[in-house]
Protein backbone atom coordinates (compact mmCIF):
# COMPACT_ATOMS: atom_id res chain seq x y z
CA MET A 1 59.17 29.73 32.43
CA ASN A 2 57.57 26.77 34.38
CA LEU A 3 60.99 25.91 36.25
CA LEU A 4 59.91 22.53 37.82
CA GLY A 5 59.52 21.58 34.24
CA ILE A 6 62.46 22.15 33.34
CA PHE A 7 64.35 20.65 36.14
CA VAL A 8 62.15 17.48 34.40
CA ASP A 9 63.15 17.73 31.21
CA LYS A 10 66.27 18.11 32.33
CA GLY A 11 66.63 14.93 34.83
CA ILE A 12 66.86 16.76 37.77
CA LEU A 13 63.65 15.69 39.18
CA SER A 14 61.14 13.16 38.73
CA VAL A 15 57.48 13.47 37.48
CA SER A 16 56.03 11.83 40.68
CA ASP A 17 58.78 14.05 42.51
CA ARG A 18 57.49 17.42 40.46
CA ALA A 19 54.29 16.44 41.97
CA ALA A 20 55.51 16.06 45.66
CA VAL A 21 58.05 19.25 45.24
CA GLU A 22 54.30 21.29 44.50
CA VAL A 23 52.34 20.02 46.90
CA GLU A 24 54.82 20.97 49.62
CA LEU A 25 55.88 24.17 47.79
CA ALA A 26 51.61 25.09 48.22
CA LYS A 27 52.32 24.84 51.78
CA LYS A 28 54.65 27.76 52.32
CA ARG A 29 58.16 26.06 51.99
CA PRO A 30 61.02 27.14 51.01
CA LEU A 31 61.72 25.56 47.45
CA ALA A 32 65.44 24.73 48.27
CA ASP A 33 64.87 23.36 51.80
CA VAL A 34 61.98 20.50 49.37
CA LEU A 35 65.08 19.76 46.94
CA THR A 36 67.40 19.41 49.58
CA GLU A 37 65.29 16.49 51.42
CA ARG A 38 65.54 15.15 47.81
CA GLY A 39 69.10 15.03 47.25
CA ILE A 40 68.79 17.75 45.21
CA SER A 41 70.72 21.19 45.14
CA LEU A 42 68.46 24.58 44.46
CA PRO A 43 71.81 26.33 43.04
CA SER A 44 73.49 23.48 41.55
CA ALA A 45 69.46 22.68 39.76
CA LEU A 46 69.68 26.16 38.97
CA GLU A 47 72.70 26.47 37.42
CA GLU A 48 71.78 23.82 34.54
CA VAL A 49 68.95 26.06 33.50
CA GLY A 50 70.86 28.79 33.49
CA LYS A 51 73.44 27.58 30.92
CA ALA A 52 70.93 26.01 28.98
CA TYR A 53 70.12 30.05 27.99
CA GLY A 54 72.77 31.30 28.77
CA ILE A 55 72.52 32.89 32.02
CA PRO A 56 74.35 33.37 35.02
CA THR A 57 72.12 32.40 38.21
CA ARG A 58 72.08 34.08 41.90
CA ILE A 59 70.84 32.58 44.69
CA LEU A 60 69.52 34.97 47.08
CA GLY A 61 70.49 35.63 50.53
CA GLU A 62 68.59 39.04 52.07
CA PRO A 63 67.38 41.16 49.30
CA PRO A 64 70.78 42.95 48.47
CA ALA A 65 69.22 45.95 46.72
CA SER A 66 68.34 49.54 48.40
CA HIS A 67 65.46 51.60 47.80
CA GLU A 68 67.33 53.63 45.48
CA VAL A 69 68.35 51.08 43.33
CA TYR A 70 64.58 50.24 43.53
CA SER A 71 64.12 53.60 42.40
CA TYR A 72 65.34 51.83 38.62
CA ILE A 73 62.20 50.04 38.20
CA PRO A 74 58.60 50.71 38.98
CA ILE A 75 57.22 48.47 40.75
CA ASP A 76 54.95 47.97 38.24
CA SER A 77 56.69 47.50 35.74
CA ALA A 78 58.86 44.79 38.31
CA ARG A 79 55.28 43.02 38.72
CA HIS A 80 54.14 43.05 35.37
CA TYR A 81 57.17 41.53 33.36
CA GLY A 82 58.65 39.42 36.22
CA PHE A 83 61.88 41.47 36.40
CA VAL A 84 63.53 43.31 39.35
CA ALA A 85 66.24 45.50 40.64
CA LEU A 86 69.36 43.69 42.30
CA ASP A 87 72.08 45.59 42.96
CA LEU A 88 74.44 48.40 40.82
CA ALA A 89 77.66 47.08 40.43
CA ASP A 90 80.90 47.90 38.17
CA GLY A 91 78.37 50.51 35.95
CA ALA A 92 75.75 48.63 35.05
CA LEU A 93 72.13 47.19 37.25
CA GLU A 94 71.84 43.78 37.80
CA VAL A 95 68.47 42.22 37.25
CA GLY A 96 66.63 39.40 38.29
CA VAL A 97 64.15 37.35 36.04
CA THR A 98 61.89 34.49 36.40
CA ASP A 99 61.35 33.63 32.90
CA PRO A 100 64.03 34.28 29.84
CA ASP A 101 61.30 33.04 27.61
CA ASN A 102 59.60 35.74 28.03
CA ILE A 103 60.53 38.49 25.18
CA GLU A 104 58.55 41.13 26.38
CA ALA A 105 59.62 41.58 29.64
CA LEU A 106 63.41 41.84 27.82
CA ASP A 107 62.02 44.05 25.38
CA ALA A 108 61.19 46.55 28.28
CA LEU A 109 64.54 45.93 29.96
CA GLN A 110 65.61 47.24 27.20
CA PHE A 111 63.68 50.44 27.16
CA ILE A 112 64.23 50.58 30.81
CA SER A 113 67.90 50.86 30.27
CA GLY A 114 68.22 53.22 27.39
CA LYS A 115 65.94 55.64 29.36
CA ILE A 116 68.64 55.67 32.62
CA GLY A 117 71.77 55.78 30.31
CA ILE A 118 72.39 52.13 32.81
CA PRO A 119 73.52 49.12 30.91
CA TYR A 120 71.87 46.34 32.34
CA LYS A 121 73.32 42.51 33.34
CA ILE A 122 69.87 39.98 33.41
CA PHE A 123 70.37 36.79 36.28
CA LEU A 124 67.94 33.79 36.45
CA ILE A 125 66.57 33.60 40.26
CA THR A 126 64.00 31.56 41.39
CA LYS A 127 60.20 32.57 41.83
CA GLU A 128 60.27 32.51 45.99
CA ASP A 129 63.69 35.00 45.74
CA PHE A 130 61.46 37.24 43.05
CA ASP A 131 58.93 37.46 44.93
CA ARG A 132 61.05 38.37 48.33
CA VAL A 133 62.47 41.14 46.51
CA LEU A 134 59.26 42.72 45.20
CA ALA A 135 58.10 42.91 48.59
CA GLY A 136 61.45 44.95 49.32
CA TYR A 137 59.72 47.67 46.79
CA GLN A 138 57.42 48.89 48.67
CA ASN A 139 56.46 46.48 52.22
CA LEU A 140 54.82 49.53 53.95
CA SER A 141 52.99 46.01 55.83
CA GLY A 142 56.53 44.28 56.83
CA GLU A 143 57.80 47.15 57.85
CA ALA A 144 55.08 48.77 59.93
CA GLY A 145 54.79 44.86 61.46
CA LYS A 146 58.95 45.35 63.01
CA ALA A 147 57.31 48.48 64.08
CA LEU A 148 54.11 47.04 65.87
CA PHE A 149 56.03 44.06 66.67
CA GLU A 150 58.43 46.65 68.86
CA TYR A 151 54.84 47.97 70.72
CA ASP A 152 53.90 44.70 71.29
CA THR A 153 57.40 43.92 73.59
CA SER A 154 57.91 47.85 75.12
CA ALA A 155 54.29 47.26 77.44
CA ASP A 156 55.89 44.48 78.75
CA SER A 157 58.27 47.16 80.09
CA PRO A 158 57.73 49.02 83.69
CA THR A 159 57.21 52.74 81.49
CA GLY A 160 54.67 51.06 78.96
CA PRO A 161 54.37 51.72 75.13
CA GLU A 162 52.40 55.90 76.41
CA ASN A 163 55.50 56.91 78.71
CA SER A 164 57.78 55.44 76.73
CA ILE A 165 56.02 57.70 73.42
CA SER A 166 55.74 60.70 75.89
CA ASN A 167 59.77 60.15 76.82
CA ALA A 168 60.69 60.13 73.01
CA PHE A 169 59.09 63.99 73.42
CA ALA A 170 60.76 65.52 76.20
CA SER A 171 63.20 67.88 74.58
CA ASN A 172 61.88 70.78 72.94
CA GLU A 173 65.08 70.94 70.45
CA GLY A 174 66.20 69.08 67.31
CA PRO A 175 64.70 68.33 64.14
CA ILE A 176 61.84 65.93 62.73
CA ALA A 177 62.95 62.55 61.23
CA LEU A 178 61.51 60.74 58.67
CA THR A 179 63.39 58.05 58.17
CA ASP A 180 65.79 56.02 60.30
CA THR A 181 68.30 59.19 60.07
CA ASP A 182 67.11 62.65 61.66
CA VAL A 183 65.95 64.83 59.08
CA PRO A 184 65.91 69.02 59.63
CA LEU A 185 63.41 70.56 59.76
CA PRO A 186 63.08 73.84 57.78
CA THR A 187 61.01 75.93 59.13
CA GLY A 188 61.47 78.16 62.28
CA GLY A 189 59.97 78.38 65.42
CA SER A 190 59.93 75.52 67.94
CA ARG A 191 61.16 71.80 66.81
CA GLU A 192 61.14 68.63 68.29
CA THR A 193 63.49 65.56 69.32
CA LEU A 194 61.47 62.49 67.65
CA LYS A 195 63.47 59.47 68.73
CA GLU A 196 63.22 56.70 65.98
CA ASP A 197 63.51 54.17 67.79
CA ALA A 198 60.23 54.85 69.23
CA PRO A 199 58.08 52.23 67.64
CA VAL A 200 55.06 54.37 67.02
CA THR A 201 57.86 57.26 66.29
CA LYS A 202 58.89 54.33 63.75
CA LEU A 203 55.17 53.41 62.65
CA VAL A 204 54.43 56.80 62.11
CA SER A 205 57.51 57.52 60.62
CA THR A 206 57.09 54.55 58.26
CA ILE A 207 53.39 55.20 56.58
CA LEU A 208 54.87 58.94 55.99
CA ARG A 209 57.51 57.89 54.13
CA TYR A 210 55.70 55.39 51.78
CA ALA A 211 52.86 57.62 51.38
CA ILE A 212 55.49 60.36 49.90
CA GLU A 213 57.58 57.91 47.82
CA GLY A 214 54.08 56.47 46.41
CA HIS A 215 53.34 60.13 45.61
CA SER A 216 50.42 60.38 47.36
CA SER A 217 48.69 63.59 47.81
CA ASP A 218 46.65 62.32 51.35
CA VAL A 219 47.17 60.14 54.10
CA HIS A 220 43.83 58.75 55.96
CA ILE A 221 44.27 57.12 58.83
CA GLU A 222 40.60 55.93 60.18
CA PRO A 223 39.82 53.99 63.19
CA MET A 224 37.17 51.03 62.51
CA GLN A 225 35.54 48.33 65.43
CA THR A 226 38.11 46.39 65.45
CA LYS A 227 41.09 47.90 63.30
CA THR A 228 42.52 51.07 62.26
CA ARG A 229 42.32 51.74 58.25
CA VAL A 230 45.70 53.77 56.22
CA ARG A 231 44.82 54.41 53.37
CA PHE A 232 46.47 56.39 50.32
CA ARG A 233 45.11 58.88 47.61
CA MET A 234 47.39 58.29 44.74
CA ASP A 235 46.00 60.24 41.36
CA GLY A 236 42.34 61.18 42.91
CA ASP A 237 41.66 57.44 44.42
CA LEU A 238 41.83 56.22 47.69
CA HIS A 239 43.65 52.64 48.25
CA THR A 240 43.77 50.72 51.39
CA SER A 241 47.50 50.39 52.02
CA LEU A 242 48.28 49.81 55.25
CA GLU A 243 45.47 47.45 58.19
CA LEU A 244 46.67 48.52 61.69
CA PRO A 245 45.12 46.82 65.35
CA SER A 246 42.77 49.56 67.01
CA LYS A 247 45.20 49.54 69.99
CA VAL A 248 47.86 51.18 68.20
CA HIS A 249 45.22 54.53 67.06
CA GLU A 250 45.66 56.25 69.80
CA ALA A 251 49.46 56.03 69.85
CA VAL A 252 48.97 56.82 66.57
CA VAL A 253 47.48 59.96 66.23
CA ALA A 254 48.93 61.67 69.57
CA ARG A 255 52.37 61.08 67.30
CA ILE A 256 50.87 62.95 64.99
CA LYS A 257 49.49 65.40 67.26
CA ILE A 258 52.79 66.13 68.76
CA LEU A 259 54.18 66.77 65.37
CA ALA A 260 51.63 69.41 64.43
CA LYS A 261 51.73 71.18 67.38
CA MET A 262 47.86 70.41 67.69
CA ARG A 263 46.11 69.51 71.81
CA LEU A 264 46.82 66.03 72.88
CA ASP A 265 43.96 66.10 75.77
CA GLU A 266 41.22 67.61 73.01
CA LYS A 267 39.80 64.53 71.50
CA ARG A 268 35.74 65.72 71.28
CA LYS A 269 36.37 67.85 68.16
CA PRO A 270 37.94 68.42 65.77
CA GLN A 271 41.21 70.39 65.28
CA ASP A 272 44.14 71.21 62.90
CA GLY A 273 47.94 71.95 62.48
CA ARG A 274 51.25 71.17 60.40
CA PHE A 275 54.42 70.19 60.37
CA SER A 276 57.23 70.42 57.69
CA ALA A 277 59.93 67.90 56.95
CA THR A 278 63.00 67.75 55.16
CA VAL A 279 62.91 64.84 52.87
CA ASP A 280 65.53 63.54 50.13
CA GLY A 281 66.70 67.28 50.01
CA HIS A 282 63.55 68.90 49.62
CA ARG A 283 61.03 69.89 52.11
CA ILE A 284 57.56 68.53 52.79
CA ASP A 285 54.74 70.00 54.67
CA PHE A 286 51.99 68.13 56.36
CA ARG A 287 48.63 69.43 56.39
CA VAL A 288 47.09 67.31 59.84
CA SER A 289 43.07 67.92 60.29
CA THR A 290 41.73 65.53 63.45
CA PHE A 291 37.66 64.53 63.48
CA PRO A 292 35.76 63.07 66.38
CA THR A 293 34.56 59.19 65.37
CA GLU A 294 32.36 56.80 67.00
CA ASN A 295 35.43 54.97 67.05
CA GLY A 296 38.43 57.95 67.71
CA GLU A 297 39.77 60.56 66.05
CA LYS A 298 40.14 60.23 62.51
CA VAL A 299 43.15 61.57 61.02
CA VAL A 300 44.01 62.86 57.51
CA MET A 301 47.28 64.96 56.48
CA ARG A 302 47.59 66.54 53.32
CA ILE A 303 51.11 66.22 51.83
CA LEU A 304 52.21 69.03 50.23
CA ASP A 305 55.92 68.89 48.31
CA GLN A 306 57.08 71.93 47.94
CA SER A 307 58.80 70.87 44.57
CA ASP A 308 55.33 71.50 43.67
CA ALA A 309 55.39 75.37 43.33
CA THR A 310 57.74 75.03 40.86
CA ALA A 311 54.47 74.23 38.52
CA THR A 312 53.32 76.34 35.68
CA LEU A 313 50.62 77.38 33.14
CA GLU A 314 51.55 74.53 30.83
CA SER A 315 52.14 71.61 33.57
CA VAL A 316 48.93 71.87 34.91
CA GLY A 317 46.87 71.74 31.78
CA PHE A 318 45.75 74.73 29.98
CA SER A 319 45.93 74.59 25.94
CA ALA A 320 47.43 76.25 23.62
CA THR A 321 44.16 78.95 23.67
CA GLN A 322 43.54 78.68 27.07
CA LEU A 323 46.66 79.38 27.87
CA ASP A 324 46.57 82.55 25.32
CA GLU A 325 43.17 83.72 27.52
CA VAL A 326 44.83 83.22 30.91
CA ARG A 327 47.67 85.58 30.18
CA GLU A 328 45.68 87.67 27.99
CA MET A 329 43.32 88.59 31.38
CA MET A 330 46.37 88.43 34.37
CA LYS A 331 47.29 91.85 32.31
CA VAL A 332 44.72 93.89 33.05
CA PRO A 333 45.04 96.32 35.49
CA TYR A 334 42.82 95.59 38.14
CA GLY A 335 39.96 93.42 39.04
CA ILE A 336 38.97 89.84 40.09
CA ILE A 337 39.81 86.54 38.89
CA LEU A 338 38.04 83.73 40.21
CA ILE A 339 39.28 79.71 40.34
CA ALA A 340 36.14 77.74 40.79
CA GLY A 341 35.97 74.57 41.83
CA PRO A 342 35.76 71.78 44.89
CA THR A 343 38.14 70.94 47.01
CA GLY A 344 40.88 68.99 45.96
CA SER A 345 40.69 70.39 41.88
CA GLY A 346 43.86 72.01 41.75
CA LYS A 347 42.41 75.32 42.47
CA SER A 348 45.61 76.49 44.67
CA THR A 349 48.32 75.16 42.13
CA THR A 350 46.92 76.96 39.23
CA LEU A 351 46.80 80.36 41.66
CA PHE A 352 50.50 79.30 42.46
CA ALA A 353 51.12 78.84 38.53
CA MET A 354 49.10 81.92 37.56
CA LEU A 355 51.76 83.68 40.75
CA SER A 356 54.45 82.68 39.12
CA GLU A 357 54.17 84.28 35.83
CA LEU A 358 53.21 88.00 38.10
CA ASP A 359 56.39 90.43 38.03
CA ARG A 360 57.13 90.01 40.96
CA GLU A 361 60.04 92.52 41.07
CA THR A 362 58.65 95.51 40.16
CA ALA A 363 54.70 94.66 41.52
CA ASN A 364 54.24 93.91 45.90
CA VAL A 365 52.42 90.54 45.59
CA VAL A 366 51.08 89.79 48.75
CA SER A 367 48.66 86.41 50.00
CA LEU A 368 46.68 85.83 52.06
CA GLU A 369 46.26 81.55 52.76
CA ASP A 370 44.72 79.32 55.12
CA PRO A 371 47.05 77.29 55.24
CA VAL A 372 50.25 78.80 53.27
CA GLU A 373 50.47 75.87 50.56
CA TYR A 374 53.57 76.49 48.84
CA GLU A 375 56.30 79.09 48.88
CA ILE A 376 56.27 81.98 46.19
CA PRO A 377 59.51 83.28 46.41
CA ASN A 378 59.40 87.31 46.41
CA VAL A 379 55.37 87.35 47.35
CA SER A 380 54.70 88.31 51.25
CA GLN A 381 52.67 85.28 52.12
CA SER A 382 50.59 85.46 54.88
CA GLN A 383 48.24 82.54 56.96
CA VAL A 384 44.94 83.51 58.62
CA ARG A 385 44.52 82.56 62.32
CA PRO A 386 40.81 83.09 63.06
CA GLU A 387 41.54 81.34 66.38
CA ILE A 388 42.91 84.88 67.36
CA GLY A 389 40.41 86.86 65.78
CA TYR A 390 43.11 87.16 61.77
CA THR A 391 40.41 85.92 59.83
CA PHE A 392 40.14 86.52 56.02
CA ALA A 393 38.46 89.85 56.13
CA ASN A 394 40.67 91.36 58.43
CA GLY A 395 43.62 90.57 56.98
CA LEU A 396 42.68 92.18 53.22
CA ARG A 397 42.21 95.29 55.61
CA SER A 398 45.71 95.07 56.36
CA ILE A 399 46.33 93.65 53.05
CA LEU A 400 44.85 97.31 51.73
CA ARG A 401 47.33 99.58 53.73
CA GLN A 402 50.53 97.78 52.46
CA ASP A 403 50.50 99.06 49.52
CA PRO A 404 49.95 96.13 47.21
CA ASP A 405 49.45 95.80 43.26
CA VAL A 406 48.13 92.47 43.33
CA ILE A 407 46.37 90.63 46.08
CA MET A 408 45.63 86.94 46.22
CA VAL A 409 43.28 86.04 48.82
CA GLY A 410 43.29 81.93 49.70
CA GLU A 411 39.35 81.68 49.25
CA ILE A 412 36.59 83.81 49.71
CA ARG A 413 34.34 81.82 51.46
CA ASP A 414 31.16 84.53 53.02
CA LYS A 415 30.03 88.16 52.37
CA GLU A 416 32.25 90.13 54.50
CA THR A 417 35.49 88.83 52.65
CA ALA A 418 33.73 89.21 48.94
CA VAL A 419 32.94 92.72 49.36
CA LEU A 420 36.73 93.82 50.86
CA ALA A 421 37.67 91.89 47.32
CA VAL A 422 35.10 93.73 45.52
CA GLN A 423 36.20 96.92 46.88
CA ALA A 424 39.81 95.89 46.46
CA ALA A 425 39.96 95.71 42.95
CA LEU A 426 37.22 98.76 42.49
CA THR A 427 40.67 100.83 43.97
CA GLY A 428 42.87 99.46 41.43
CA HIS A 429 44.17 96.21 42.96
CA LEU A 430 44.31 92.94 40.82
CA VAL A 431 42.59 90.08 43.18
CA PHE A 432 43.35 86.02 42.72
CA SER A 433 41.01 84.38 44.42
CA THR A 434 39.16 80.85 44.60
CA ILE A 435 35.57 80.04 45.06
CA HIS A 436 33.37 76.90 46.04
CA THR A 437 30.95 76.29 42.62
CA ASN A 438 31.15 73.32 40.43
CA THR A 439 30.74 75.72 36.88
CA ALA A 440 32.29 79.11 36.67
CA VAL A 441 29.41 80.23 35.57
CA GLY A 442 27.69 79.34 38.62
CA ALA A 443 31.01 81.80 40.74
CA ILE A 444 27.93 84.83 39.75
CA PRO A 445 25.22 83.45 41.37
CA ARG A 446 27.33 82.38 44.24
CA LEU A 447 28.57 86.20 44.79
CA ILE A 448 25.35 87.41 44.90
CA ASP A 449 24.26 85.01 47.26
CA MET A 450 27.83 86.52 49.57
CA GLY A 451 25.60 89.74 49.04
CA VAL A 452 28.14 91.23 46.02
CA ASP A 453 25.76 93.45 44.12
CA PRO A 454 25.30 92.37 40.79
CA PHE A 455 26.57 96.07 39.49
CA LEU A 456 30.06 95.68 41.84
CA ILE A 457 30.35 92.54 40.11
CA ALA A 458 29.74 93.60 36.29
CA PRO A 459 32.63 95.50 36.64
CA THR A 460 34.81 94.54 38.72
CA LEU A 461 34.60 90.36 37.35
CA VAL A 462 37.55 90.17 34.75
CA ALA A 463 37.21 85.97 35.17
CA VAL A 464 36.27 82.70 36.49
CA ILE A 465 38.19 79.53 35.71
CA GLY A 466 36.34 76.28 36.23
CA GLN A 467 38.67 73.34 36.82
CA ARG A 468 38.86 69.74 37.89
CA LEU A 469 41.50 66.94 37.96
CA VAL A 470 41.18 63.60 35.51
CA GLN A 471 43.66 60.98 35.09
CA LYS A 472 46.30 61.66 32.61
CA LEU A 473 47.90 58.89 29.55
CA CYS A 474 51.61 58.91 30.19
CA GLU A 475 53.51 58.96 27.30
CA GLY A 476 53.33 56.70 23.94
CA ALA A 477 50.64 54.90 26.22
CA GLY A 478 47.74 55.61 24.92
CA LYS A 479 46.09 52.99 22.02
CA PRO A 480 44.05 54.75 20.08
CA PHE A 481 40.96 52.93 18.52
CA PRO A 482 37.67 54.60 16.39
CA VAL A 483 35.32 56.44 16.93
CA THR A 484 31.90 55.05 15.92
CA GLU A 485 28.73 56.65 14.19
CA SER A 486 26.52 56.75 17.68
CA ILE A 487 29.37 58.44 19.20
CA LYS A 488 30.06 61.25 16.80
CA VAL A 489 26.39 62.09 16.45
CA SER A 490 26.94 62.63 20.40
CA LEU A 491 29.65 64.24 20.03
CA GLU A 492 28.65 66.93 17.32
CA GLN A 493 24.99 67.10 19.75
CA GLN A 494 27.85 68.11 22.72
CA PHE A 495 28.74 71.02 20.78
CA SER A 496 26.17 72.01 18.13
CA ASP A 497 25.62 75.33 20.19
CA VAL A 498 28.64 76.31 19.92
CA PRO A 499 29.08 79.19 17.28
CA GLU A 500 30.08 78.19 14.11
CA GLU A 501 33.70 80.18 14.59
CA TYR A 502 34.58 78.27 16.95
CA ARG A 503 33.27 75.04 15.43
CA ARG A 504 35.70 74.75 13.07
CA ALA A 505 38.91 74.90 15.09
CA LEU A 506 37.52 71.60 17.64
CA PRO A 507 40.10 68.80 16.33
CA ALA A 508 38.69 66.17 13.94
CA PHE A 509 36.21 63.43 15.71
CA SER A 510 38.31 60.42 14.62
CA GLU A 511 39.43 58.13 17.14
CA PHE A 512 39.98 58.54 21.01
CA TYR A 513 42.88 56.60 23.16
CA ARG A 514 42.50 53.81 26.16
CA ALA A 515 44.76 53.27 29.16
CA SER A 516 47.33 50.63 27.04
CA GLY A 517 50.59 49.93 29.49
CA THR A 518 54.49 50.66 28.57
CA ALA A 519 57.83 49.42 30.18
CA GLU A 520 57.60 52.60 32.56
CA CYS A 521 54.03 52.61 32.73
CA PRO A 522 52.31 50.07 32.99
CA ASN A 523 48.58 50.82 34.02
CA GLY A 524 48.65 52.99 31.17
CA THR A 525 48.35 56.88 33.52
CA ARG A 526 50.36 58.31 35.61
CA GLY A 527 49.70 61.71 37.47
CA ARG A 528 46.36 64.00 36.61
CA ILE A 529 46.06 66.50 34.84
CA GLY A 530 42.83 69.69 35.13
CA VAL A 531 40.29 70.29 32.37
CA PHE A 532 38.69 74.14 32.45
CA GLU A 533 35.96 75.97 31.94
CA ILE A 534 36.41 79.59 31.42
CA LEU A 535 33.90 82.55 31.82
CA LYS A 536 35.56 85.69 30.21
CA MET A 537 33.66 88.19 31.18
CA ASN A 538 32.27 90.79 27.98
CA LYS A 539 29.78 93.93 27.43
CA LYS A 540 26.99 90.78 26.87
CA LEU A 541 27.92 89.28 30.17
CA GLU A 542 28.03 92.35 32.29
CA GLU A 543 24.45 93.42 30.49
CA ALA A 544 23.44 89.81 32.00
CA VAL A 545 24.68 89.69 35.47
CA LEU A 546 22.47 93.34 35.49
CA ARG A 547 19.87 92.33 33.41
CA ASP A 548 18.97 88.64 35.21
CA PRO A 549 21.80 87.10 37.09
CA VAL A 550 20.31 83.32 36.74
CA GLU A 551 23.34 80.61 35.74
CA GLU A 552 21.21 79.62 32.90
CA LYS A 553 20.92 82.66 31.30
CA ILE A 554 24.95 83.41 32.07
CA TYR A 555 25.66 80.43 30.59
CA ALA A 556 23.76 80.96 27.06
CA VAL A 557 25.31 84.84 26.61
CA ALA A 558 29.06 82.42 27.81
CA ARG A 559 28.16 80.35 24.81
CA GLU A 560 27.38 82.31 22.48
CA GLY A 561 30.93 83.70 22.97
CA GLY A 562 32.45 80.40 22.44
CA MET A 563 33.01 79.10 26.27
CA LEU A 564 33.90 75.66 26.18
CA THR A 565 32.68 73.48 29.61
CA MET A 566 35.33 71.17 31.40
CA ARG A 567 33.14 67.97 29.51
CA GLU A 568 34.27 69.77 26.31
CA ASP A 569 37.56 70.30 27.25
CA ALA A 570 38.18 66.77 28.52
CA ILE A 571 36.74 65.25 25.59
CA ILE A 572 39.56 67.64 23.44
CA LYS A 573 42.11 66.45 25.86
CA ALA A 574 41.16 62.80 24.77
CA LEU A 575 40.68 63.25 21.12
CA GLY A 576 44.14 64.55 20.94
CA GLY A 577 45.88 61.39 23.70
CA LYS A 578 46.25 63.07 26.84
CA ILE A 579 43.70 61.92 28.94
CA PRO A 580 41.49 58.20 28.04
CA PHE A 581 38.36 58.20 27.19
CA GLU A 582 36.77 56.93 30.27
CA GLU A 583 37.38 60.45 32.01
CA ILE A 584 35.03 61.98 30.20
CA ASN A 585 33.00 60.37 31.63
CA THR A 586 33.60 61.61 35.24
CA LEU A 587 32.71 65.32 34.31
CA GLY A 588 28.95 64.66 34.20
CA GLY A 589 26.58 63.03 31.47
CA GLU A 590 27.18 59.54 29.71
CA LEU A 591 29.40 59.96 26.79
CA PHE A 592 29.57 56.13 26.65
CA PRO A 593 27.19 54.26 27.25
CA GLU A 594 28.13 50.25 28.29
CA GLY A 595 28.64 48.46 25.36
CA GLU A 596 29.20 50.94 23.18
CA ILE A 597 32.94 50.99 22.69
CA ALA A 598 34.49 47.51 22.17
């Protein structure tokens, strides 16, 4: 719908005036002002259009909606379909639309209304008001701009911004705040009183709040020559969300260091720290790392939502067959179960999902982590502190004196820890841990490189689970398309060395799915899901480890036992409509050459 075009059709605006109005609007002038200059009242003109469509109209002052109201309509849907939440009044969601002719948008709105269980009432609004309300959804730069203005203003004060910031942290009692009001910090130890009216405090709080609301996993604050770039990692990809002037970089870093109990005067070497806050009734942990660069200290914050600790083996992405395998291996009385993958591949989440299924009432479950990421009920969790000599190896020695039944070691990263973990398994304990290798098979040569003898690995290793994270299709968002003959040949070749009994269980190579937007999920994808490969030890594999423990030969024996790779698990998930087909290529190789898929 072109509002000015309707004004012309209704005789409100002449054709020549329309052209002149469009010129003025291109200069970013308000529509109401431009029309007033021509003797036209915008409310009256809009009302005429509303009468033609049978829709009430609304001219907005300040955007009336709160973030709570915005949450009923996802920002992607608002931007894609051209409607925004205005208010919640008399039990109905008031929605502003710019184009009442858009049937697709009205259908999407009907769907959202049914999903949230709240009726809606639409109002015709101008495109100008729509853009203003949309900016309120995620106006990170707007809020940051206000804080920067206050920062500039405070620079003219006698104390200056740096001193005022220091004064804001003078006390050591009280809560950490991430919103406009103080939010209690549920963890013990020292606490800070942080004044939200401090400009840099407000700026950092705004960045963290938007990162949490956007379901980001990490926040990157990166100094550059002329600016500071703020990026959020969402669904595995980094997106630039904000650019700050370089003059505030040191103050922002100082604020974060104070929160994380890090040394302010140490800028030459990396530091690690953490802090916690309660946001919307649940705890959020922030794991902070600083890194010196040519332009200043770079800060990366990992966001750990404690509500994610409720992840289950089903929710992380295991198939029914894989679930049976994992639950069966967890029943063994002793041995080592390893989760393999690079940083950010979801190893910790899978590990905690496995621990959550253990009997923690009758068994003594103890963990050693760096740091403690998620709290698990009835598990004794301890954080290593290498700076005081409390390492994984030393901690593991102490754990063995705590009468454990199950031991979780956050990471096997050196010979001493690896040997102790094997010894713990040999003495009747079930050990869970992670290891940084690209594949499940690669974990065995890695352990040998660390100094663990093959004759100790063979009897103690229960299984290795390799994993990666890929983008997940929203429910009902996948659009199927048929598999071409050439791709079918590629698929058959991919699985050609899998024994026939396992090939029969594979899904038909009939159709894949590409991301297709819905009312609630315009991009078609949201969140990530794991793809896995499970190396489960057996007699033949034990013999291979003892005889010739090279990766190629171990893989050949595992393949005879029906092991599927992570890439093949992704293919199966793509055939089942769980992930878009493009994600297969992110795991190595190229199943879909450019131009192969229309």
